[in-house]
Amino acid sequence: MLSSNATEQIPWTPWTAPDLESQRSRHGTTPMLGLLVWAIMGLAMFLVILRIYYHVFRGRRQLWSDDYFLIAALVCLIGNGIAIEQWIPYKFEPNLTTPQIPALVLIGSLMGLFNSLALALSKTSLAITFIRLTTGWWKSSLGLSIFAIDCLFAVQAWSFWVPDCGIKHEPYRIQTAGGACISYESIKSFRFAVQTLSCVLDAYFTILPWKIVRPLALKRFEKIGLGIAMSFGCASLMSGIIRELILFHLSNEPSEYQPLYSVGGFLFNYFEPSFTIIAACIPRTPGGLGLSEQEHCCSKHGNDSIAFDTADGQAIIPWMLS
């Protein structure tokens, strides 16, 4: 049994709850997320620059409409990456206890805006390439599909700036005289539907190249280029599917940061447009595939043909030569 003197010698300090916010590092517990985002962006940027170089200095000596769409998509992708870099330290921490910060609302809205525009522009660039290679109802259906999905992406980008009916005095929102707003359930359902249609279009982009090149006799480097491009097309499709599953999972969980809900900072939000840009660039860099010596054939034929005849009699396609 302890004596009274022994009891008095035991130091006693009151227990206080730990300050979780003071223990948070500047870059959170997930610094590798930012590194992965910039690595994917670097690959996409390298391929876009390589594509422009071959088009301007080694190929047709000018840029086409799909090139401009791809450059715009890359700019939006960079903007999205910067927003993610600023947002990661706050949102990816599991012990976040601070109230809603106006700056986070702005960053989340910018993420949604840049992501929606990057998706629309990258898919448009890829669709323009395929439209040149198809005829008949394939061309018409592709044109109508990309027009419809672009309209939906535009509405989705706008939705990140519309006030939520469930949140009063939300900062950085478009205020109207009538106080118009959108309910949380409507926003969630709309973005889920847009993501579903985006996955359907990615599946179409994955299948269509095989439809185009199946009757053609391709060389080894051309097959390699097509295989690599197709693999990134499938990667874009898988990223979209995983992104949709994440949105479906989150739809059953409450979120106190409403405009950030569907962008969420998840990497697959960023991977889908990144892989679409990469898939559009890889087959259009002839020097990287050893095809630059055949570019002269493109100047002798119209752009709407599916195949071109080279000097050695083998058929090739313009989207691998450009």
C-alpha atoms as a PDB file:
ATOM      1  CA  MET A   1       0.000   0.000   0.000  1.00  0.00           C
ATOM      2  CA  LEU A   2       1.447   3.402  -1.009  1.00  0.00           C
ATOM      3  CA  SER A   3       2.107   5.935   1.670  1.00  0.00           C
ATOM      4  CA  SER A   4       0.806   9.463   1.550  1.00  0.00           C
ATOM      5  CA  ASN A   5       4.335  10.773   0.859  1.00  0.00           C
ATOM      6  CA  ALA A   6       4.719   8.507  -2.201  1.00  0.00           C
ATOM      7  CA  THR A   7       1.381   9.675  -3.515  1.00  0.00           C
ATOM      8  CA  GLU A   8       2.385  13.300  -3.251  1.00  0.00           C
ATOM      9  CA  GLN A   9       5.536  12.687  -5.341  1.00  0.00           C
ATOM     10  CA  ILE A  10       3.639  11.461  -8.414  1.00  0.00           C
ATOM     11  CA  PRO A  11       3.398  14.349 -10.929  1.00  0.00           C
ATOM     12  CA  TRP A  12      -0.077  15.025 -12.197  1.00  0.00           C
ATOM     13  CA  THR A  13      -1.039  16.991 -15.281  1.00  0.00           C
ATOM     14  CA  PRO A  14      -4.550  17.503 -16.612  1.00  0.00           C
ATOM     15  CA  TRP A  15      -5.451  15.681 -19.835  1.00  0.00           C
ATOM     16  CA  THR A  16      -6.233  17.833 -22.827  1.00  0.00           C
ATOM     17  CA  ALA A  17      -7.443  16.813 -26.272  1.00  0.00           C
ATOM     18  CA  PRO A  18      -4.630  16.826 -28.849  1.00  0.00           C
ATOM     19  CA  ASP A  19      -4.556  19.706 -31.278  1.00  0.00           C
ATOM     20  CA  LEU A  20      -4.896  17.769 -34.505  1.00  0.00           C
ATOM     21  CA  GLU A  21      -4.556  20.825 -36.705  1.00  0.00           C
ATOM     22  CA  SER A  22      -1.194  21.792 -35.161  1.00  0.00           C
ATOM     23  CA  GLN A  23       0.094  18.287 -35.888  1.00  0.00           C
ATOM     24  CA  ARG A  24      -0.765  18.494 -39.569  1.00  0.00           C
ATOM     25  CA  SER A  25       2.198  18.901 -41.867  1.00  0.00           C
ATOM     26  CA  ARG A  26       2.106  21.469 -44.628  1.00  0.00           C
ATOM     27  CA  HIS A  27       1.687  18.751 -47.237  1.00  0.00           C
ATOM     28  CA  GLY A  28      -0.459  16.389 -45.187  1.00  0.00           C
ATOM     29  CA  THR A  29       0.179  12.697 -44.858  1.00  0.00           C
ATOM     30  CA  THR A  30      -0.084  12.025 -48.580  1.00  0.00           C
ATOM     31  CA  PRO A  31       2.701  13.990 -50.326  1.00  0.00           C
ATOM     32  CA  MET A  32       3.026  11.315 -53.022  1.00  0.00           C
ATOM     33  CA  LEU A  33      -0.346  12.301 -54.467  1.00  0.00           C
ATOM     34  CA  GLY A  34       0.994  15.621 -55.682  1.00  0.00           C
ATOM     35  CA  LEU A  35       4.079  13.946 -57.114  1.00  0.00           C
ATOM     36  CA  LEU A  36       1.941  11.465 -59.037  1.00  0.00           C
ATOM     37  CA  VAL A  37      -0.246  14.245 -60.423  1.00  0.00           C
ATOM     38  CA  TRP A  38       2.775  16.162 -61.716  1.00  0.00           C
ATOM     39  CA  ALA A  39       4.343  13.006 -63.149  1.00  0.00           C
ATOM     40  CA  ILE A  40       1.243  12.281 -65.241  1.00  0.00           C
ATOM     41  CA  MET A  41       1.055  15.929 -66.255  1.00  0.00           C
ATOM     42  CA  GLY A  42       4.717  15.892 -67.267  1.00  0.00           C
ATOM     43  CA  LEU A  43       4.170  12.883 -69.529  1.00  0.00           C
ATOM     44  CA  ALA A  44       1.143  14.504 -71.176  1.00  0.00           C
ATOM     45  CA  MET A  45       3.010  17.794 -71.614  1.00  0.00           C
ATOM     46  CA  PHE A  46       6.032  16.049 -73.140  1.00  0.00           C
ATOM     47  CA  LEU A  47       3.900  14.217 -75.696  1.00  0.00           C
ATOM     48  CA  VAL A  48       1.929  17.337 -76.645  1.00  0.00           C
ATOM     49  CA  ILE A  49       5.160  19.302 -77.169  1.00  0.00           C
ATOM     50  CA  LEU A  50       6.606  16.419 -79.190  1.00  0.00           C
ATOM     51  CA  ARG A  51       3.461  16.275 -81.308  1.00  0.00           C
ATOM     52  CA  ILE A  52       3.569  20.026 -81.998  1.00  0.00           C
ATOM     53  CA  TYR A  53       7.263  19.833 -82.862  1.00  0.00           C
ATOM     54  CA  TYR A  54       6.757  17.129 -85.482  1.00  0.00           C
ATOM     55  CA  HIS A  55       3.705  18.827 -86.923  1.00  0.00           C
ATOM     56  CA  VAL A  56       5.360  22.237 -87.271  1.00  0.00           C
ATOM     57  CA  PHE A  57       8.968  21.341 -88.090  1.00  0.00           C
ATOM     58  CA  ARG A  58       8.923  17.791 -89.448  1.00  0.00           C
ATOM     59  CA  GLY A  59       5.468  17.092 -90.795  1.00  0.00           C
ATOM     60  CA  ARG A  60       2.717  19.201 -92.318  1.00  0.00           C
ATOM     61  CA  ARG A  61       4.311  22.530 -91.224  1.00  0.00           C
ATOM     62  CA  GLN A  62       1.113  23.701 -89.546  1.00  0.00           C
ATOM     63  CA  LEU A  63      -1.316  22.844 -86.766  1.00  0.00           C
ATOM     64  CA  TRP A  64      -4.804  21.485 -87.349  1.00  0.00           C
ATOM     65  CA  SER A  65      -7.930  22.041 -85.300  1.00  0.00           C
ATOM     66  CA  ASP A  66      -7.421  18.935 -83.159  1.00  0.00           C
ATOM     67  CA  ASP A  67      -3.975  20.246 -82.176  1.00  0.00           C
ATOM     68  CA  TYR A  68      -5.465  23.467 -80.822  1.00  0.00           C
ATOM     69  CA  PHE A  69      -8.085  21.557 -78.842  1.00  0.00           C
ATOM     70  CA  LEU A  70      -5.346  19.354 -77.407  1.00  0.00           C
ATOM     71  CA  ILE A  71      -3.228  22.355 -76.399  1.00  0.00           C
ATOM     72  CA  ALA A  72      -6.251  23.923 -74.683  1.00  0.00           C
ATOM     73  CA  ALA A  73      -6.916  20.622 -72.884  1.00  0.00           C
ATOM     74  CA  LEU A  74      -3.320  20.574 -71.646  1.00  0.00           C
ATOM     75  CA  VAL A  75      -3.655  24.133 -70.303  1.00  0.00           C
ATOM     76  CA  CYS A  76      -6.788  23.100 -68.383  1.00  0.00           C
ATOM     77  CA  LEU A  77      -4.996  19.987 -67.135  1.00  0.00           C
ATOM     78  CA  ILE A  78      -2.164  22.139 -65.774  1.00  0.00           C
ATOM     79  CA  GLY A  79      -4.690  24.420 -64.070  1.00  0.00           C
ATOM     80  CA  ASN A  80      -6.378  21.399 -62.530  1.00  0.00           C
ATOM     81  CA  GLY A  81      -3.024  20.082 -61.310  1.00  0.00           C
ATOM     82  CA  ILE A  82      -2.176  23.406 -59.639  1.00  0.00           C
ATOM     83  CA  ALA A  83      -5.574  23.445 -57.915  1.00  0.00           C
ATOM     84  CA  ILE A  84      -5.081  19.869 -56.697  1.00  0.00           C
ATOM     85  CA  GLU A  85      -1.626  20.794 -55.367  1.00  0.00           C
ATOM     86  CA  GLN A  86      -3.169  23.600 -53.306  1.00  0.00           C
ATOM     87  CA  TRP A  87      -6.088  21.481 -52.141  1.00  0.00           C
ATOM     88  CA  ILE A  88      -4.338  18.256 -51.108  1.00  0.00           C
ATOM     89  CA  PRO A  89      -2.941  19.549 -47.773  1.00  0.00           C
ATOM     90  CA  TYR A  90      -6.460  20.324 -46.561  1.00  0.00           C
ATOM     91  CA  LYS A  91      -8.779  17.683 -47.968  1.00  0.00           C
ATOM     92  CA  PHE A  92      -6.754  14.478 -47.913  1.00  0.00           C
ATOM     93  CA  GLU A  93      -6.060  14.630 -44.173  1.00  0.00           C
ATOM     94  CA  PRO A  94      -8.335  12.153 -42.332  1.00  0.00           C
ATOM     95  CA  ASN A  95      -8.397  14.324 -39.184  1.00  0.00           C
ATOM     96  CA  LEU A  96      -9.653  17.541 -40.724  1.00  0.00           C
ATOM     97  CA  THR A  97     -11.645  19.408 -38.090  1.00  0.00           C
ATOM     98  CA  THR A  98     -11.587  22.983 -39.302  1.00  0.00           C
ATOM     99  CA  PRO A  99     -14.811  24.595 -40.534  1.00  0.00           C
ATOM    100  CA  GLN A 100     -15.425  25.319 -44.169  1.00  0.00           C
ATOM    101  CA  ILE A 101     -12.781  27.682 -45.541  1.00  0.00           C
ATOM    102  CA  PRO A 102     -13.770  30.066 -48.365  1.00  0.00           C
ATOM    103  CA  ALA A 103     -10.455  29.463 -50.138  1.00  0.00           C
ATOM    104  CA  LEU A 104     -11.199  25.737 -50.273  1.00  0.00           C
ATOM    105  CA  VAL A 105     -14.562  26.421 -51.876  1.00  0.00           C
ATOM    106  CA  LEU A 106     -12.848  28.488 -54.565  1.00  0.00           C
ATOM    107  CA  ILE A 107     -10.133  25.861 -55.145  1.00  0.00           C
ATOM    108  CA  GLY A 108     -12.720  23.086 -55.363  1.00  0.00           C
ATOM    109  CA  SER A 109     -14.770  25.033 -57.888  1.00  0.00           C
ATOM    110  CA  LEU A 110     -11.661  25.690 -59.990  1.00  0.00           C
ATOM    111  CA  MET A 111     -10.842  21.979 -59.869  1.00  0.00           C
ATOM    112  CA  GLY A 112     -14.286  21.122 -61.165  1.00  0.00           C
ATOM    113  CA  LEU A 113     -14.093  23.796 -63.874  1.00  0.00           C
ATOM    114  CA  PHE A 114     -10.642  22.804 -65.161  1.00  0.00           C
ATOM    115  CA  ASN A 115     -11.407  19.090 -64.982  1.00  0.00           C
ATOM    116  CA  SER A 116     -14.643  19.428 -66.952  1.00  0.00           C
ATOM    117  CA  LEU A 117     -12.979  21.579 -69.616  1.00  0.00           C
ATOM    118  CA  ALA A 118      -9.977  19.242 -69.875  1.00  0.00           C
ATOM    119  CA  LEU A 119     -12.295  16.282 -70.394  1.00  0.00           C
ATOM    120  CA  ALA A 120     -14.342  18.096 -73.034  1.00  0.00           C
ATOM    121  CA  LEU A 121     -11.362  19.466 -74.978  1.00  0.00           C
ATOM    122  CA  SER A 122      -9.311  16.254 -74.925  1.00  0.00           C
ATOM    123  CA  LYS A 123     -12.238  14.130 -76.091  1.00  0.00           C
ATOM    124  CA  THR A 124     -13.039  16.694 -78.790  1.00  0.00           C
ATOM    125  CA  SER A 125      -9.472  16.550 -80.093  1.00  0.00           C
ATOM    126  CA  LEU A 126      -9.574  12.765 -80.275  1.00  0.00           C
ATOM    127  CA  ALA A 127     -13.020  12.840 -81.892  1.00  0.00           C
ATOM    128  CA  ILE A 128     -11.862  15.258 -84.625  1.00  0.00           C
ATOM    129  CA  THR A 129      -9.070  12.837 -85.494  1.00  0.00           C
ATOM    130  CA  PHE A 130     -11.500   9.935 -85.774  1.00  0.00           C
ATOM    131  CA  ILE A 131     -14.004  12.004 -87.760  1.00  0.00           C
ATOM    132  CA  ARG A 132     -11.353  12.459 -90.457  1.00  0.00           C
ATOM    133  CA  LEU A 133     -10.954   8.690 -90.675  1.00  0.00           C
ATOM    134  CA  THR A 134     -14.606   7.634 -90.820  1.00  0.00           C
ATOM    135  CA  THR A 135     -17.453   7.990 -93.280  1.00  0.00           C
ATOM    136  CA  GLY A 136     -21.217   7.684 -93.297  1.00  0.00           C
ATOM    137  CA  TRP A 137     -23.089   7.113 -90.076  1.00  0.00           C
ATOM    138  CA  TRP A 138     -19.850   6.485 -88.171  1.00  0.00           C
ATOM    139  CA  LYS A 139     -18.822  10.088 -88.851  1.00  0.00           C
ATOM    140  CA  SER A 140     -22.293  11.471 -88.102  1.00  0.00           C
ATOM    141  CA  SER A 141     -22.770   9.528 -84.869  1.00  0.00           C
ATOM    142  CA  LEU A 142     -19.329  10.524 -83.634  1.00  0.00           C
ATOM    143  CA  GLY A 143     -19.953  14.196 -84.382  1.00  0.00           C
ATOM    144  CA  LEU A 144     -23.318  14.174 -82.597  1.00  0.00           C
ATOM    145  CA  SER A 145     -21.886  12.265 -79.631  1.00  0.00           C
ATOM    146  CA  ILE A 146     -19.007  14.655 -79.044  1.00  0.00           C
ATOM    147  CA  PHE A 147     -21.303  17.686 -79.437  1.00  0.00           C
ATOM    148  CA  ALA A 148     -23.706  16.281 -76.833  1.00  0.00           C
ATOM    149  CA  ILE A 149     -21.000  15.357 -74.323  1.00  0.00           C
ATOM    150  CA  ASP A 150     -19.333  18.762 -74.731  1.00  0.00           C
ATOM    151  CA  CYS A 151     -22.622  20.474 -73.892  1.00  0.00           C
ATOM    152  CA  LEU A 152     -22.962  18.297 -70.787  1.00  0.00           C
ATOM    153  CA  PHE A 153     -19.396  19.023 -69.710  1.00  0.00           C
ATOM    154  CA  ALA A 154     -20.061  22.752 -70.139  1.00  0.00           C
ATOM    155  CA  VAL A 155     -23.122  22.517 -67.885  1.00  0.00           C
ATOM    156  CA  GLN A 156     -21.110  20.474 -65.390  1.00  0.00           C
ATOM    157  CA  ALA A 157     -18.369  23.132 -65.323  1.00  0.00           C
ATOM    158  CA  TRP A 158     -21.025  25.792 -64.724  1.00  0.00           C
ATOM    159  CA  SER A 159     -22.633  23.754 -61.916  1.00  0.00           C
ATOM    160  CA  PHE A 160     -19.578  24.199 -59.695  1.00  0.00           C
ATOM    161  CA  TRP A 161     -20.346  27.910 -59.464  1.00  0.00           C
ATOM    162  CA  VAL A 162     -24.085  27.687 -58.765  1.00  0.00           C
ATOM    163  CA  PRO A 163     -25.225  28.085 -55.131  1.00  0.00           C
ATOM    164  CA  ASP A 164     -26.346  24.964 -53.312  1.00  0.00           C
ATOM    165  CA  CYS A 165     -29.850  25.269 -51.909  1.00  0.00           C
ATOM    166  CA  GLY A 166     -28.742  23.515 -48.713  1.00  0.00           C
ATOM    167  CA  ILE A 167     -25.940  25.969 -47.878  1.00  0.00           C
ATOM    168  CA  LYS A 168     -26.610  29.605 -47.041  1.00  0.00           C
ATOM    169  CA  HIS A 169     -24.216  32.401 -47.953  1.00  0.00           C
ATOM    170  CA  GLU A 170     -21.801  30.134 -49.787  1.00  0.00           C
ATOM    171  CA  PRO A 171     -18.783  32.138 -51.029  1.00  0.00           C
ATOM    172  CA  TYR A 172     -17.615  32.355 -54.633  1.00  0.00           C
ATOM    173  CA  ARG A 173     -20.985  31.550 -56.147  1.00  0.00           C
ATOM    174  CA  ILE A 174     -22.953  33.171 -58.958  1.00  0.00           C
ATOM    175  CA  GLN A 175     -25.699  35.187 -57.294  1.00  0.00           C
ATOM    176  CA  THR A 176     -28.886  35.939 -59.218  1.00  0.00           C
ATOM    177  CA  ALA A 177     -31.657  38.403 -58.489  1.00  0.00           C
ATOM    178  CA  GLY A 178     -34.143  35.596 -57.917  1.00  0.00           C
ATOM    179  CA  GLY A 179     -31.811  33.654 -55.652  1.00  0.00           C
ATOM    180  CA  ALA A 180     -31.653  30.639 -57.975  1.00  0.00           C
ATOM    181  CA  CYS A 181     -29.925  27.547 -56.617  1.00  0.00           C
ATOM    182  CA  ILE A 182     -29.524  23.833 -57.303  1.00  0.00           C
ATOM    183  CA  SER A 183     -30.257  21.088 -54.809  1.00  0.00           C
ATOM    184  CA  TYR A 184     -27.502  18.767 -53.720  1.00  0.00           C
ATOM    185  CA  GLU A 185     -29.341  15.691 -55.033  1.00  0.00           C
ATOM    186  CA  SER A 186     -29.791  17.262 -58.461  1.00  0.00           C
ATOM    187  CA  ILE A 187     -26.098  18.119 -58.731  1.00  0.00           C
ATOM    188  CA  LYS A 188     -25.102  14.630 -57.624  1.00  0.00           C
ATOM    189  CA  SER A 189     -27.418  12.884 -60.089  1.00  0.00           C
ATOM    190  CA  PHE A 190     -26.388  15.112 -62.987  1.00  0.00           C
ATOM    191  CA  ARG A 191     -22.654  14.622 -62.474  1.00  0.00           C
ATOM    192  CA  PHE A 192     -23.109  10.890 -62.113  1.00  0.00           C
ATOM    193  CA  ALA A 193     -25.042  10.798 -65.411  1.00  0.00           C
ATOM    194  CA  VAL A 194     -22.356  12.863 -67.182  1.00  0.00           C
ATOM    195  CA  GLN A 195     -19.653  10.521 -65.920  1.00  0.00           C
ATOM    196  CA  THR A 196     -21.607   7.502 -67.188  1.00  0.00           C
ATOM    197  CA  LEU A 197     -21.932   9.006 -70.673  1.00  0.00           C
ATOM    198  CA  SER A 198     -18.246   9.937 -70.611  1.00  0.00           C
ATOM    199  CA  CYS A 199     -17.359   6.288 -69.949  1.00  0.00           C
ATOM    200  CA  VAL A 200     -19.571   5.217 -72.856  1.00  0.00           C
ATOM    201  CA  LEU A 201     -17.730   7.636 -75.153  1.00  0.00           C
ATOM    202  CA  ASP A 202     -14.365   6.344 -73.891  1.00  0.00           C
ATOM    203  CA  ALA A 203     -15.475   2.817 -74.753  1.00  0.00           C
ATOM    204  CA  TYR A 204     -16.424   4.054 -78.235  1.00  0.00           C
ATOM    205  CA  PHE A 205     -12.984   5.646 -78.632  1.00  0.00           C
ATOM    206  CA  THR A 206     -11.364   2.394 -77.527  1.00  0.00           C
ATOM    207  CA  ILE A 207     -13.196   0.232 -80.069  1.00  0.00           C
ATOM    208  CA  LEU A 208     -13.239   2.617 -83.044  1.00  0.00           C
ATOM    209  CA  PRO A 209      -9.498   2.481 -83.915  1.00  0.00           C
ATOM    210  CA  TRP A 210      -9.652  -1.283 -84.384  1.00  0.00           C
ATOM    211  CA  LYS A 211     -12.614  -0.807 -86.712  1.00  0.00           C
ATOM    212  CA  ILE A 212     -10.520   1.618 -88.764  1.00  0.00           C
ATOM    213  CA  VAL A 213      -7.257  -0.314 -88.973  1.00  0.00           C
ATOM    214  CA  ARG A 214      -8.580  -3.880 -89.136  1.00  0.00           C
ATOM    215  CA  PRO A 215      -8.545  -4.095 -92.967  1.00  0.00           C
ATOM    216  CA  LEU A 216      -5.141  -2.403 -93.239  1.00  0.00           C
ATOM    217  CA  ALA A 217      -1.728  -4.017 -93.505  1.00  0.00           C
ATOM    218  CA  LEU A 218       0.401  -2.344 -90.852  1.00  0.00           C
ATOM    219  CA  LYS A 219       4.117  -2.449 -90.263  1.00  0.00           C
ATOM    220  CA  ARG A 220       5.644  -3.452 -86.965  1.00  0.00           C
ATOM    221  CA  PHE A 221       6.190   0.104 -85.709  1.00  0.00           C
ATOM    222  CA  GLU A 222       2.657   1.053 -86.708  1.00  0.00           C
ATOM    223  CA  LYS A 223       1.262  -1.886 -84.745  1.00  0.00           C
ATOM    224  CA  ILE A 224       3.370  -0.893 -81.745  1.00  0.00           C
ATOM    225  CA  GLY A 225       2.105   2.676 -81.953  1.00  0.00           C
ATOM    226  CA  LEU A 226      -1.492   1.539 -82.224  1.00  0.00           C
ATOM    227  CA  GLY A 227      -1.067  -0.872 -79.313  1.00  0.00           C
ATOM    228  CA  ILE A 228       0.388   1.818 -77.055  1.00  0.00           C
ATOM    229  CA  ALA A 229      -2.305   4.308 -78.022  1.00  0.00           C
ATOM    230  CA  MET A 230      -5.020   1.723 -77.456  1.00  0.00           C
ATOM    231  CA  SER A 231      -3.622   0.855 -74.033  1.00  0.00           C
ATOM    232  CA  PHE A 232      -3.935   4.474 -72.931  1.00  0.00           C
ATOM    233  CA  GLY A 233      -7.420   4.623 -74.419  1.00  0.00           C
ATOM    234  CA  CYS A 234      -8.353   1.676 -72.223  1.00  0.00           C
ATOM    235  CA  ALA A 235      -6.639   3.378 -69.274  1.00  0.00           C
ATOM    236  CA  SER A 236      -8.832   6.432 -69.788  1.00  0.00           C
ATOM    237  CA  LEU A 237     -11.898   4.190 -69.835  1.00  0.00           C
ATOM    238  CA  MET A 238     -10.842   2.375 -66.660  1.00  0.00           C
ATOM    239  CA  SER A 239     -10.104   5.682 -64.927  1.00  0.00           C
ATOM    240  CA  GLY A 240     -13.578   6.894 -65.812  1.00  0.00           C
ATOM    241  CA  ILE A 241     -15.182   3.713 -64.482  1.00  0.00           C
ATOM    242  CA  ILE A 242     -13.241   3.871 -61.212  1.00  0.00           C
ATOM    243  CA  ARG A 243     -14.117   7.541 -60.902  1.00  0.00           C
ATOM    244  CA  GLU A 244     -17.789   6.687 -61.327  1.00  0.00           C
ATOM    245  CA  LEU A 245     -17.556   3.971 -58.671  1.00  0.00           C
ATOM    246  CA  ILE A 246     -15.986   6.481 -56.298  1.00  0.00           C
ATOM    247  CA  LEU A 247     -18.811   8.944 -56.918  1.00  0.00           C
ATOM    248  CA  PHE A 248     -21.350   6.180 -56.333  1.00  0.00           C
ATOM    249  CA  HIS A 249     -19.653   5.247 -53.066  1.00  0.00           C
ATOM    250  CA  LEU A 250     -19.566   8.847 -51.880  1.00  0.00           C
ATOM    251  CA  SER A 251     -23.204   9.386 -52.786  1.00  0.00           C
ATOM    252  CA  ASN A 252     -24.156   7.506 -49.622  1.00  0.00           C
ATOM    253  CA  GLU A 253     -21.912   9.601 -47.374  1.00  0.00           C
ATOM    254  CA  PRO A 254     -22.497  13.144 -46.116  1.00  0.00           C
ATOM    255  CA  SER A 255     -20.186  15.911 -47.253  1.00  0.00           C
ATOM    256  CA  GLU A 256     -19.756  19.291 -45.611  1.00  0.00           C
ATOM    257  CA  TYR A 257     -17.737  20.694 -48.488  1.00  0.00           C
ATOM    258  CA  GLN A 258     -20.426  20.742 -51.127  1.00  0.00           C
ATOM    259  CA  PRO A 259     -18.755  22.043 -54.300  1.00  0.00           C
ATOM    260  CA  LEU A 260     -15.791  19.760 -53.649  1.00  0.00           C
ATOM    261  CA  TYR A 261     -17.967  16.676 -53.371  1.00  0.00           C
ATOM    262  CA  SER A 262     -17.767  15.285 -56.874  1.00  0.00           C
ATOM    263  CA  VAL A 263     -14.240  16.440 -57.671  1.00  0.00           C
ATOM    264  CA  GLY A 264     -13.034  15.081 -54.363  1.00  0.00           C
ATOM    265  CA  GLY A 265      -9.354  15.368 -55.221  1.00  0.00           C
ATOM    266  CA  PHE A 266      -9.316  11.731 -56.267  1.00  0.00           C
ATOM    267  CA  LEU A 267      -6.521  10.948 -58.655  1.00  0.00           C
ATOM    268  CA  PHE A 268      -8.836   9.233 -61.121  1.00  0.00           C
ATOM    269  CA  ASN A 269     -10.518  12.597 -61.541  1.00  0.00           C
ATOM    270  CA  TYR A 270      -7.212  13.725 -62.987  1.00  0.00           C
ATOM    271  CA  PHE A 271      -6.194  10.518 -64.746  1.00  0.00           C
ATOM    272  CA  GLU A 272      -9.129  10.383 -67.167  1.00  0.00           C
ATOM    273  CA  PRO A 273      -8.328  13.583 -69.140  1.00  0.00           C
ATOM    274  CA  SER A 274      -4.588  12.913 -68.767  1.00  0.00           C
ATOM    275  CA  PHE A 275      -4.829   9.482 -70.369  1.00  0.00           C
ATOM    276  CA  THR A 276      -7.093  10.855 -73.110  1.00  0.00           C
ATOM    277  CA  ILE A 277      -4.451  13.463 -73.994  1.00  0.00           C
ATOM    278  CA  ILE A 278      -1.721  10.813 -73.962  1.00  0.00           C
ATOM    279  CA  ALA A 279      -3.799   8.481 -76.135  1.00  0.00           C
ATOM    280  CA  ALA A 280      -4.371  11.284 -78.641  1.00  0.00           C
ATOM    281  CA  CYS A 281      -0.672  12.179 -78.771  1.00  0.00           C
ATOM    282  CA  ILE A 282       1.136   8.849 -78.998  1.00  0.00           C
ATOM    283  CA  PRO A 283       0.068   7.809 -82.520  1.00  0.00           C
ATOM    284  CA  ARG A 284       0.598  11.382 -83.771  1.00  0.00           C
ATOM    285  CA  THR A 285       4.339  11.523 -83.009  1.00  0.00           C
ATOM    286  CA  PRO A 286       5.800   9.824 -86.103  1.00  0.00           C
ATOM    287  CA  GLY A 287       9.416  10.398 -85.163  1.00  0.00           C
ATOM    288  CA  GLY A 288       8.863   8.523 -81.939  1.00  0.00           C
ATOM    289  CA  LEU A 289       7.521   5.542 -83.875  1.00  0.00           C
ATOM    290  CA  GLY A 290       9.977   5.637 -86.758  1.00  0.00           C
ATOM    291  CA  LEU A 291       7.383   6.753 -89.318  1.00  0.00           C
ATOM    292  CA  SER A 292       8.590  10.209 -90.289  1.00  0.00           C
ATOM    293  CA  GLU A 293      10.060   9.045 -93.580  1.00  0.00           C
ATOM    294  CA  GLN A 294       6.555   8.227 -94.846  1.00  0.00           C
ATOM    295  CA  GLU A 295       4.936  11.596 -94.139  1.00  0.00           C
ATOM    296  CA  HIS A 296       5.225  12.723 -97.751  1.00  0.00           C
ATOM    297  CA  CYS A 297       2.328  10.453 -98.705  1.00  0.00           C
ATOM    298  CA  CYS A 298      -0.149  12.571 -96.775  1.00  0.00           C
ATOM    299  CA  SER A 299       0.253  15.597 -99.003  1.00  0.00           C
ATOM    300  CA  LYS A 300      -0.941  13.714-102.068  1.00  0.00           C
ATOM    301  CA  HIS A 301      -4.339  12.649-100.785  1.00  0.00           C
ATOM    302  CA  GLY A 302      -7.401  14.114 -99.141  1.00  0.00           C
ATOM    303  CA  ASN A 303      -7.740  14.179 -95.384  1.00  0.00           C
ATOM    304  CA  ASP A 304     -11.000  12.236 -95.338  1.00  0.00           C
ATOM    305  CA  SER A 305      -9.542   8.997 -96.655  1.00  0.00           C
ATOM    306  CA  ILE A 306      -9.106   6.133 -94.246  1.00  0.00           C
ATOM    307  CA  ALA A 307      -5.938   4.717 -95.778  1.00  0.00           C
ATOM    308  CA  PHE A 308      -3.042   5.984 -97.847  1.00  0.00           C
ATOM    309  CA  ASP A 309      -0.770   4.051-100.157  1.00  0.00           C
ATOM    310  CA  THR A 310       2.925   4.389 -99.440  1.00  0.00           C
ATOM    311  CA  ALA A 311       5.763   3.912-101.895  1.00  0.00           C
ATOM    312  CA  ASP A 312       6.244   0.294-100.906  1.00  0.00           C
ATOM    313  CA  GLY A 313       2.583  -0.533-101.413  1.00  0.00           C
ATOM    314  CA  GLN A 314       1.575  -0.902 -97.770  1.00  0.00           C
ATOM    315  CA  ALA A 315      -1.456   0.883 -96.464  1.00  0.00           C
ATOM    316  CA  ILE A 316      -1.089   3.312 -93.605  1.00  0.00           C
ATOM    317  CA  ILE A 317      -3.411   5.765 -91.912  1.00  0.00           C
ATOM    318  CA  PRO A 318      -2.915   9.521 -91.520  1.00  0.00           C
ATOM    319  CA  TRP A 319      -3.429   9.666 -87.761  1.00  0.00           C
ATOM    320  CA  MET A 320      -0.235   7.657 -87.376  1.00  0.00           C
ATOM    321  CA  LEU A 321       1.670   9.948 -89.703  1.00  0.00           C
ATOM    322  CA  SER A 322       0.226  13.472 -89.396  1.00  0.00           C
END
